[in-house]
Amino acid sequence: MKTALLTAAFLSSLASSVVAQEPAAPAAIVATASGADSRVFELRTYTAPADKLDALQARFRNHTTALFTKHGMTNVGYWLPAENPDHQLVYLLAYPDPAAREASWKSFLADPEWQAVVKESEANGKLVSKVTSLFLATTPFSPGFSPPTGNETRVYEMRTYIAMPEFLPALHARFQNVTLQMFKKHGMTSLGYFSLTPEQSGAKQTLVYFLAHKDAQAAAASWDAFRADPEWIAAKQASETTVGGSLTIVDGVKSTFLVPTDFSPIR
């Protein structure tokens, strides 16, 4: 199983920004099935200097998340990669629509309270060296981010699939009709499933989704059982026979295990 954050080259080709300039929201969101979550989601990855990740987390914990809420943003989840050599923080926000996203960030960045927090927290240097942002729209089959039952802790897995050109609808169909049910059968919890919004590079080929597992060992056992399941093997072969080949490009599946921060709304 490959465990790596979305590669720098791939992320760069999709969407990126520098810290001082927030990326513009998508002009439009593709309509999803009736009843599906129509909000705009934004997946943001912050890279911190080697000695600043703890301070960055403290700023989010003590100030940023509350200020996001104040300015109309919904905090969905905050995670650290389980393997984190680049000192990254990954988080997911939601907005009612693109215009709301623009208005929220504008008011947030102009808020004197936030400006004071930045000045104080960066007295000894900036806490973020790079910001990468992807805009996401939920697929019609996305279950959404449900909290864990009781006080259980979970390990999260963010997976990105790059479909062969024109094969993304077939990939979606396989997930909707077979894969999600098979994940559940083998002890995996499906959460958010997303497409990139259409103005972004790779939008016609990319699926991003999140799973939850009890722990790393449970994840490995679930994936082993899933891949060996005759029902899955038959479904995979049938879907690939229909289109004449693999639904994803070579090395087109990337996986990152994520550990929720103590200030993440979803744990």
C-alpha atoms as a PDB file:
ATOM      1  CA  MET A   1       0.000   0.000   0.000  1.00  0.00           C
ATOM      2  CA  LYS A   2       1.494   3.296  -0.972  1.00  0.00           C
ATOM      3  CA  THR A   3       1.533   5.822   1.816  1.00  0.00           C
ATOM      4  CA  ALA A   4       2.428   9.256   0.567  1.00  0.00           C
ATOM      5  CA  LEU A   5       0.773  12.643   0.560  1.00  0.00           C
ATOM      6  CA  LEU A   6      -0.384  13.845  -2.870  1.00  0.00           C
ATOM      7  CA  THR A   7       2.852  14.302  -4.749  1.00  0.00           C
ATOM      8  CA  ALA A   8       4.172  17.812  -5.054  1.00  0.00           C
ATOM      9  CA  ALA A   9       4.066  17.721  -8.811  1.00  0.00           C
ATOM     10  CA  PHE A  10       0.490  16.493  -8.879  1.00  0.00           C
ATOM     11  CA  LEU A  11      -0.691  19.050  -6.360  1.00  0.00           C
ATOM     12  CA  SER A  12       1.097  21.800  -8.210  1.00  0.00           C
ATOM     13  CA  SER A  13      -0.629  20.847 -11.433  1.00  0.00           C
ATOM     14  CA  LEU A  14      -4.026  20.993  -9.743  1.00  0.00           C
ATOM     15  CA  ALA A  15      -4.011  24.085  -7.550  1.00  0.00           C
ATOM     16  CA  SER A  16      -1.609  25.915  -5.298  1.00  0.00           C
ATOM     17  CA  SER A  17      -1.088  29.236  -3.628  1.00  0.00           C
ATOM     18  CA  VAL A  18       1.468  31.095  -1.583  1.00  0.00           C
ATOM     19  CA  VAL A  19       0.687  32.013   1.997  1.00  0.00           C
ATOM     20  CA  ALA A  20       0.060  35.676   1.298  1.00  0.00           C
ATOM     21  CA  GLN A  21      -2.496  35.079  -1.419  1.00  0.00           C
ATOM     22  CA  GLU A  22      -5.570  32.894  -0.935  1.00  0.00           C
ATOM     23  CA  PRO A  23      -6.720  30.959  -4.025  1.00  0.00           C
ATOM     24  CA  ALA A  24      -9.911  32.115  -5.658  1.00  0.00           C
ATOM     25  CA  ALA A  25     -12.999  30.009  -5.126  1.00  0.00           C
ATOM     26  CA  PRO A  26     -14.387  28.062  -8.089  1.00  0.00           C
ATOM     27  CA  ALA A  27     -16.808  29.976 -10.257  1.00  0.00           C
ATOM     28  CA  ALA A  28     -19.345  27.173 -10.236  1.00  0.00           C
ATOM     29  CA  ILE A  29     -19.982  23.804  -8.651  1.00  0.00           C
ATOM     30  CA  VAL A  30     -21.342  20.872 -10.631  1.00  0.00           C
ATOM     31  CA  ALA A  31     -24.801  19.971  -9.384  1.00  0.00           C
ATOM     32  CA  THR A  32     -25.001  16.690  -7.517  1.00  0.00           C
ATOM     33  CA  ALA A  33     -27.903  14.319  -7.050  1.00  0.00           C
ATOM     34  CA  SER A  34     -30.931  15.556  -5.137  1.00  0.00           C
ATOM     35  CA  GLY A  35     -30.224  15.528  -1.409  1.00  0.00           C
ATOM     36  CA  ALA A  36     -26.441  15.407  -1.817  1.00  0.00           C
ATOM     37  CA  ASP A  37     -24.245  17.872   0.033  1.00  0.00           C
ATOM     38  CA  SER A  38     -23.963  20.858  -2.300  1.00  0.00           C
ATOM     39  CA  ARG A  39     -21.467  22.822  -0.222  1.00  0.00           C
ATOM     40  CA  VAL A  40     -18.050  23.840  -1.479  1.00  0.00           C
ATOM     41  CA  PHE A  41     -15.241  21.991   0.300  1.00  0.00           C
ATOM     42  CA  GLU A  42     -11.634  23.077   0.406  1.00  0.00           C
ATOM     43  CA  LEU A  43      -8.784  20.703   1.185  1.00  0.00           C
ATOM     44  CA  ARG A  44      -5.838  22.723   2.433  1.00  0.00           C
ATOM     45  CA  THR A  45      -2.304  21.524   3.150  1.00  0.00           C
ATOM     46  CA  TYR A  46       0.074  23.726   5.113  1.00  0.00           C
ATOM     47  CA  THR A  47       3.797  23.007   5.111  1.00  0.00           C
ATOM     48  CA  ALA A  48       5.586  24.422   8.144  1.00  0.00           C
ATOM     49  CA  PRO A  49       9.263  25.050   8.755  1.00  0.00           C
ATOM     50  CA  ALA A  50      10.788  22.112  10.611  1.00  0.00           C
ATOM     51  CA  ASP A  51      10.591  23.771  14.029  1.00  0.00           C
ATOM     52  CA  LYS A  52       7.222  25.512  13.593  1.00  0.00           C
ATOM     53  CA  LEU A  53       4.630  22.730  13.292  1.00  0.00           C
ATOM     54  CA  ASP A  54       3.818  22.724  17.016  1.00  0.00           C
ATOM     55  CA  ALA A  55       3.397  26.491  16.995  1.00  0.00           C
ATOM     56  CA  LEU A  56       1.189  26.268  13.909  1.00  0.00           C
ATOM     57  CA  GLN A  57      -1.022  23.726  15.624  1.00  0.00           C
ATOM     58  CA  ALA A  58      -1.215  25.924  18.720  1.00  0.00           C
ATOM     59  CA  ARG A  59      -2.364  28.852  16.602  1.00  0.00           C
ATOM     60  CA  PHE A  60      -5.111  26.741  15.039  1.00  0.00           C
ATOM     61  CA  ARG A  61      -6.087  25.277  18.410  1.00  0.00           C
ATOM     62  CA  ASN A  62      -6.208  28.584  20.264  1.00  0.00           C
ATOM     63  CA  HIS A  63      -7.312  31.023  17.580  1.00  0.00           C
ATOM     64  CA  THR A  64      -7.730  30.024  13.931  1.00  0.00           C
ATOM     65  CA  THR A  65     -10.532  27.472  14.139  1.00  0.00           C
ATOM     66  CA  ALA A  66     -12.675  29.813  16.249  1.00  0.00           C
ATOM     67  CA  LEU A  67     -12.023  32.684  13.854  1.00  0.00           C
ATOM     68  CA  PHE A  68     -12.958  30.485  10.900  1.00  0.00           C
ATOM     69  CA  THR A  69     -16.291  29.785  12.621  1.00  0.00           C
ATOM     70  CA  LYS A  70     -16.727  33.477  13.384  1.00  0.00           C
ATOM     71  CA  HIS A  71     -16.409  34.243   9.670  1.00  0.00           C
ATOM     72  CA  GLY A  72     -18.855  31.600   8.475  1.00  0.00           C
ATOM     73  CA  MET A  73     -16.515  28.716   7.624  1.00  0.00           C
ATOM     74  CA  THR A  74     -17.222  25.154   8.770  1.00  0.00           C
ATOM     75  CA  ASN A  75     -14.298  23.282  10.279  1.00  0.00           C
ATOM     76  CA  VAL A  76     -14.635  19.663   9.100  1.00  0.00           C
ATOM     77  CA  GLY A  77     -11.368  17.968  10.028  1.00  0.00           C
ATOM     78  CA  TYR A  78      -7.716  18.624  10.884  1.00  0.00           C
ATOM     79  CA  TRP A  79      -5.026  15.978  10.546  1.00  0.00           C
ATOM     80  CA  LEU A  80      -1.297  15.345  10.574  1.00  0.00           C
ATOM     81  CA  PRO A  81       0.065  12.755   8.153  1.00  0.00           C
ATOM     82  CA  ALA A  82       1.123   9.639  10.073  1.00  0.00           C
ATOM     83  CA  GLU A  83       4.413   9.884   8.203  1.00  0.00           C
ATOM     84  CA  ASN A  84       5.170  13.581   8.157  1.00  0.00           C
ATOM     85  CA  PRO A  85       8.716  14.395   6.993  1.00  0.00           C
ATOM     86  CA  ASP A  86       7.515  17.664   5.433  1.00  0.00           C
ATOM     87  CA  HIS A  87       5.891  18.955   8.654  1.00  0.00           C
ATOM     88  CA  GLN A  88       2.428  19.290   7.154  1.00  0.00           C
ATOM     89  CA  LEU A  89      -1.024  20.021   8.501  1.00  0.00           C
ATOM     90  CA  VAL A  90      -3.962  18.892   6.356  1.00  0.00           C
ATOM     91  CA  TYR A  91      -7.449  20.251   6.923  1.00  0.00           C
ATOM     92  CA  LEU A  92     -10.868  20.432   5.338  1.00  0.00           C
ATOM     93  CA  LEU A  93     -13.268  23.387   5.379  1.00  0.00           C
ATOM     94  CA  ALA A  94     -16.788  23.731   4.001  1.00  0.00           C
ATOM     95  CA  TYR A  95     -18.703  26.769   2.734  1.00  0.00           C
ATOM     96  CA  PRO A  96     -22.297  27.255   1.563  1.00  0.00           C
ATOM     97  CA  ASP A  97     -21.142  28.321  -1.924  1.00  0.00           C
ATOM     98  CA  PRO A  98     -18.205  29.957  -3.745  1.00  0.00           C
ATOM     99  CA  ALA A  99     -19.359  33.491  -2.988  1.00  0.00           C
ATOM    100  CA  ALA A 100     -19.582  32.678   0.716  1.00  0.00           C
ATOM    101  CA  ARG A 101     -16.083  31.264   0.599  1.00  0.00           C
ATOM    102  CA  GLU A 102     -14.706  34.474  -0.902  1.00  0.00           C
ATOM    103  CA  ALA A 103     -16.560  36.630   1.614  1.00  0.00           C
ATOM    104  CA  SER A 104     -15.434  34.513   4.570  1.00  0.00           C
ATOM    105  CA  TRP A 105     -11.761  34.621   3.674  1.00  0.00           C
ATOM    106  CA  LYS A 106     -11.878  38.328   2.941  1.00  0.00           C
ATOM    107  CA  SER A 107     -13.411  39.123   6.322  1.00  0.00           C
ATOM    108  CA  PHE A 108     -11.145  36.631   8.119  1.00  0.00           C
ATOM    109  CA  LEU A 109      -7.923  38.094   6.695  1.00  0.00           C
ATOM    110  CA  ALA A 110      -9.101  41.632   7.484  1.00  0.00           C
ATOM    111  CA  ASP A 111     -10.144  40.806  11.064  1.00  0.00           C
ATOM    112  CA  PRO A 112      -7.986  42.837  13.523  1.00  0.00           C
ATOM    113  CA  GLU A 113      -8.076  39.889  15.942  1.00  0.00           C
ATOM    114  CA  TRP A 114      -6.542  37.591  13.311  1.00  0.00           C
ATOM    115  CA  GLN A 115      -3.968  40.189  12.321  1.00  0.00           C
ATOM    116  CA  ALA A 116      -2.908  40.521  15.958  1.00  0.00           C
ATOM    117  CA  VAL A 117      -2.661  36.725  16.302  1.00  0.00           C
ATOM    118  CA  VAL A 118      -0.456  36.510  13.218  1.00  0.00           C
ATOM    119  CA  LYS A 119       1.826  39.283  14.435  1.00  0.00           C
ATOM    120  CA  GLU A 120       2.262  37.692  17.848  1.00  0.00           C
ATOM    121  CA  SER A 121       2.614  34.092  16.632  1.00  0.00           C
ATOM    122  CA  GLU A 122       5.146  35.017  13.942  1.00  0.00           C
ATOM    123  CA  ALA A 123       7.377  37.193  16.101  1.00  0.00           C
ATOM    124  CA  ASN A 124      10.131  34.604  15.638  1.00  0.00           C
ATOM    125  CA  GLY A 125       9.369  33.708  12.040  1.00  0.00           C
ATOM    126  CA  LYS A 126       6.525  32.601   9.802  1.00  0.00           C
ATOM    127  CA  LEU A 127       4.706  29.398  10.721  1.00  0.00           C
ATOM    128  CA  VAL A 128       3.786  28.400   7.158  1.00  0.00           C
ATOM    129  CA  SER A 129       6.098  28.180   4.185  1.00  0.00           C
ATOM    130  CA  LYS A 130       3.608  26.821   1.642  1.00  0.00           C
ATOM    131  CA  VAL A 131      -0.156  26.522   1.238  1.00  0.00           C
ATOM    132  CA  THR A 132      -1.801  24.156  -1.211  1.00  0.00           C
ATOM    133  CA  SER A 133      -5.528  24.191  -1.831  1.00  0.00           C
ATOM    134  CA  LEU A 134      -7.971  21.968  -3.712  1.00  0.00           C
ATOM    135  CA  PHE A 135     -11.652  22.768  -4.207  1.00  0.00           C
ATOM    136  CA  LEU A 136     -13.939  19.770  -3.910  1.00  0.00           C
ATOM    137  CA  ALA A 137     -17.562  18.899  -4.624  1.00  0.00           C
ATOM    138  CA  THR A 138     -19.205  15.870  -3.053  1.00  0.00           C
ATOM    139  CA  THR A 139     -20.131  12.953  -5.270  1.00  0.00           C
ATOM    140  CA  PRO A 140     -23.761  11.755  -5.167  1.00  0.00           C
ATOM    141  CA  PHE A 141     -22.660   8.613  -3.290  1.00  0.00           C
ATOM    142  CA  SER A 142     -20.665  10.378  -0.565  1.00  0.00           C
ATOM    143  CA  PRO A 143     -21.822   9.305   2.936  1.00  0.00           C
ATOM    144  CA  GLY A 144     -20.359  12.396   4.603  1.00  0.00           C
ATOM    145  CA  PHE A 145     -18.214  12.839   7.705  1.00  0.00           C
ATOM    146  CA  SER A 146     -19.895  11.023  10.564  1.00  0.00           C
ATOM    147  CA  PRO A 147     -18.351  11.195  14.049  1.00  0.00           C
ATOM    148  CA  PRO A 148     -17.077   8.023  15.717  1.00  0.00           C
ATOM    149  CA  THR A 149     -19.306   6.215  18.170  1.00  0.00           C
ATOM    150  CA  GLY A 150     -18.521   6.804  21.821  1.00  0.00           C
ATOM    151  CA  ASN A 151     -14.988   7.861  22.667  1.00  0.00           C
ATOM    152  CA  GLU A 152     -13.210   5.688  20.134  1.00  0.00           C
ATOM    153  CA  THR A 153     -10.239   7.126  18.290  1.00  0.00           C
ATOM    154  CA  ARG A 154      -9.703   6.459  14.606  1.00  0.00           C
ATOM    155  CA  VAL A 155      -7.024   6.567  11.969  1.00  0.00           C
ATOM    156  CA  TYR A 156      -8.029   8.259   8.749  1.00  0.00           C
ATOM    157  CA  GLU A 157      -6.950   7.495   5.226  1.00  0.00           C
ATOM    158  CA  MET A 158      -7.078  10.003   2.386  1.00  0.00           C
ATOM    159  CA  ARG A 159      -6.994   8.347  -1.015  1.00  0.00           C
ATOM    160  CA  THR A 160      -6.673   9.975  -4.426  1.00  0.00           C
ATOM    161  CA  TYR A 161      -7.468   8.097  -7.640  1.00  0.00           C
ATOM    162  CA  ILE A 162      -6.486   9.383 -11.065  1.00  0.00           C
ATOM    163  CA  ALA A 163      -8.742   7.732 -13.618  1.00  0.00           C
ATOM    164  CA  MET A 164      -7.856   6.998 -17.188  1.00  0.00           C
ATOM    165  CA  PRO A 165      -9.185   9.744 -19.499  1.00  0.00           C
ATOM    166  CA  GLU A 166     -12.975   9.401 -19.849  1.00  0.00           C
ATOM    167  CA  PHE A 167     -13.110   6.619 -17.226  1.00  0.00           C
ATOM    168  CA  LEU A 168     -14.042   8.691 -14.166  1.00  0.00           C
ATOM    169  CA  PRO A 169     -17.804   8.026 -14.569  1.00  0.00           C
ATOM    170  CA  ALA A 170     -17.093   4.285 -14.663  1.00  0.00           C
ATOM    171  CA  LEU A 171     -14.932   4.613 -11.556  1.00  0.00           C
ATOM    172  CA  HIS A 172     -17.713   6.497  -9.780  1.00  0.00           C
ATOM    173  CA  ALA A 173     -20.217   3.831 -10.803  1.00  0.00           C
ATOM    174  CA  ARG A 174     -18.020   1.071  -9.384  1.00  0.00           C
ATOM    175  CA  PHE A 175     -17.674   2.901  -6.084  1.00  0.00           C
ATOM    176  CA  GLN A 176     -21.384   3.620  -5.881  1.00  0.00           C
ATOM    177  CA  ASN A 177     -22.551   0.134  -6.851  1.00  0.00           C
ATOM    178  CA  VAL A 178     -19.890  -2.099  -5.336  1.00  0.00           C
ATOM    179  CA  THR A 179     -16.891  -0.576  -3.600  1.00  0.00           C
ATOM    180  CA  LEU A 180     -18.568   1.275  -0.727  1.00  0.00           C
ATOM    181  CA  GLN A 181     -20.532  -1.821   0.228  1.00  0.00           C
ATOM    182  CA  MET A 182     -17.358  -3.905   0.087  1.00  0.00           C
ATOM    183  CA  PHE A 183     -15.499  -1.398   2.260  1.00  0.00           C
ATOM    184  CA  LYS A 184     -18.259  -1.680   4.877  1.00  0.00           C
ATOM    185  CA  LYS A 185     -18.182  -5.475   4.679  1.00  0.00           C
ATOM    186  CA  HIS A 186     -14.503  -5.425   5.550  1.00  0.00           C
ATOM    187  CA  GLY A 187     -14.690  -2.982   8.439  1.00  0.00           C
ATOM    188  CA  MET A 188     -13.822   0.304   6.742  1.00  0.00           C
ATOM    189  CA  THR A 189     -15.911   3.425   7.319  1.00  0.00           C
ATOM    190  CA  SER A 190     -16.526   5.531   4.226  1.00  0.00           C
ATOM    191  CA  LEU A 191     -16.679   9.277   4.831  1.00  0.00           C
ATOM    192  CA  GLY A 192     -16.440  12.055   2.233  1.00  0.00           C
ATOM    193  CA  TYR A 193     -16.084  11.271  -1.475  1.00  0.00           C
ATOM    194  CA  PHE A 194     -15.229  14.181  -3.752  1.00  0.00           C
ATOM    195  CA  SER A 195     -14.573  15.280  -7.304  1.00  0.00           C
ATOM    196  CA  LEU A 196     -12.454  18.307  -8.088  1.00  0.00           C
ATOM    197  CA  THR A 197     -14.479  21.317  -9.123  1.00  0.00           C
ATOM    198  CA  PRO A 198     -14.474  21.609 -12.920  1.00  0.00           C
ATOM    199  CA  GLU A 199     -12.156  24.584 -13.395  1.00  0.00           C
ATOM    200  CA  GLN A 200      -9.190  22.715 -11.895  1.00  0.00           C
ATOM    201  CA  SER A 201      -6.648  20.713 -13.827  1.00  0.00           C
ATOM    202  CA  GLY A 202      -7.364  17.004 -13.522  1.00  0.00           C
ATOM    203  CA  ALA A 203     -11.023  17.496 -12.616  1.00  0.00           C
ATOM    204  CA  LYS A 204     -12.222  14.964 -15.203  1.00  0.00           C
ATOM    205  CA  GLN A 205      -9.931  12.267 -13.831  1.00  0.00           C
ATOM    206  CA  THR A 206      -9.696  12.742 -10.065  1.00  0.00           C
ATOM    207  CA  LEU A 207     -11.529  11.164  -7.143  1.00  0.00           C
ATOM    208  CA  VAL A 208     -10.552  12.071  -3.568  1.00  0.00           C
ATOM    209  CA  TYR A 209     -12.048  10.224  -0.639  1.00  0.00           C
ATOM    210  CA  PHE A 210     -11.616   9.565   3.070  1.00  0.00           C
ATOM    211  CA  LEU A 211     -11.887   6.351   5.074  1.00  0.00           C
ATOM    212  CA  ALA A 212     -11.740   5.749   8.817  1.00  0.00           C
ATOM    213  CA  HIS A 213     -10.153   2.711  10.483  1.00  0.00           C
ATOM    214  CA  LYS A 214      -9.882   1.605  14.102  1.00  0.00           C
ATOM    215  CA  ASP A 215      -6.099   1.740  13.835  1.00  0.00           C
ATOM    216  CA  ALA A 216      -3.255   1.023  11.410  1.00  0.00           C
ATOM    217  CA  GLN A 217      -3.372  -2.712  12.031  1.00  0.00           C
ATOM    218  CA  ALA A 218      -7.111  -2.823  11.393  1.00  0.00           C
ATOM    219  CA  ALA A 219      -6.598  -0.865   8.177  1.00  0.00           C
ATOM    220  CA  ALA A 220      -4.036  -3.357   6.902  1.00  0.00           C
ATOM    221  CA  ALA A 221      -6.283  -6.308   7.760  1.00  0.00           C
ATOM    222  CA  SER A 222      -9.289  -4.681   6.109  1.00  0.00           C
ATOM    223  CA  TRP A 223      -7.409  -3.951   2.893  1.00  0.00           C
ATOM    224  CA  ASP A 224      -5.987  -7.472   2.742  1.00  0.00           C
ATOM    225  CA  ALA A 225      -9.452  -8.988   3.165  1.00  0.00           C
ATOM    226  CA  PHE A 226     -11.011  -6.570   0.685  1.00  0.00           C
ATOM    227  CA  ARG A 227      -8.463  -7.252  -2.046  1.00  0.00           C
ATOM    228  CA  ALA A 228      -8.766 -11.019  -1.591  1.00  0.00           C
ATOM    229  CA  ASP A 229     -12.583 -11.049  -1.600  1.00  0.00           C
ATOM    230  CA  PRO A 230     -13.869 -13.006  -4.636  1.00  0.00           C
ATOM    231  CA  GLU A 231     -16.830 -10.631  -4.901  1.00  0.00           C
ATOM    232  CA  TRP A 232     -14.498  -7.635  -5.257  1.00  0.00           C
ATOM    233  CA  ILE A 233     -12.216  -9.452  -7.674  1.00  0.00           C
ATOM    234  CA  ALA A 234     -15.173 -10.311  -9.898  1.00  0.00           C
ATOM    235  CA  ALA A 235     -16.581  -6.784  -9.742  1.00  0.00           C
ATOM    236  CA  LYS A 236     -13.200  -5.248 -10.572  1.00  0.00           C
ATOM    237  CA  GLN A 237     -12.687  -7.570 -13.518  1.00  0.00           C
ATOM    238  CA  ALA A 238     -16.202  -6.903 -14.820  1.00  0.00           C
ATOM    239  CA  SER A 239     -15.783  -3.127 -14.626  1.00  0.00           C
ATOM    240  CA  GLU A 240     -12.446  -3.254 -16.415  1.00  0.00           C
ATOM    241  CA  THR A 241     -13.740  -5.598 -19.101  1.00  0.00           C
ATOM    242  CA  THR A 242     -16.551  -3.160 -19.847  1.00  0.00           C
ATOM    243  CA  VAL A 243     -14.145  -0.301 -20.628  1.00  0.00           C
ATOM    244  CA  GLY A 244     -11.288  -2.420 -21.950  1.00  0.00           C
ATOM    245  CA  GLY A 245      -8.691  -1.824 -19.259  1.00  0.00           C
ATOM    246  CA  SER A 246      -7.859  -0.444 -15.842  1.00  0.00           C
ATOM    247  CA  LEU A 247     -10.049   2.435 -14.656  1.00  0.00           C
ATOM    248  CA  THR A 248      -7.014   4.221 -13.186  1.00  0.00           C
ATOM    249  CA  ILE A 249      -3.709   5.261 -14.682  1.00  0.00           C
ATOM    250  CA  VAL A 250      -0.478   3.450 -13.764  1.00  0.00           C
ATOM    251  CA  ASP A 251       0.446   4.409 -10.191  1.00  0.00           C
ATOM    252  CA  GLY A 252      -2.792   6.386 -10.118  1.00  0.00           C
ATOM    253  CA  VAL A 253      -3.779   5.493  -6.547  1.00  0.00           C
ATOM    254  CA  LYS A 254      -2.200   7.443  -3.690  1.00  0.00           C
ATOM    255  CA  SER A 255      -2.870   6.868  -0.002  1.00  0.00           C
ATOM    256  CA  THR A 256      -2.059   8.970   3.050  1.00  0.00           C
ATOM    257  CA  PHE A 257      -2.769   7.882   6.591  1.00  0.00           C
ATOM    258  CA  LEU A 258      -3.812  10.778   8.783  1.00  0.00           C
ATOM    259  CA  VAL A 259      -3.996  11.235  12.536  1.00  0.00           C
ATOM    260  CA  PRO A 260      -6.594  13.737  13.790  1.00  0.00           C
ATOM    261  CA  THR A 261      -5.316  16.668  15.816  1.00  0.00           C
ATOM    262  CA  ASP A 262      -6.709  17.313  19.283  1.00  0.00           C
ATOM    263  CA  PHE A 263      -8.629  20.313  17.901  1.00  0.00           C
ATOM    264  CA  SER A 264     -10.209  18.490  14.947  1.00  0.00           C
ATOM    265  CA  PRO A 265     -14.023  18.454  15.044  1.00  0.00           C
ATOM    266  CA  ILE A 266     -13.945  14.927  13.637  1.00  0.00           C
ATOM    267  CA  ARG A 267     -11.688  12.566  15.614  1.00  0.00           C
END
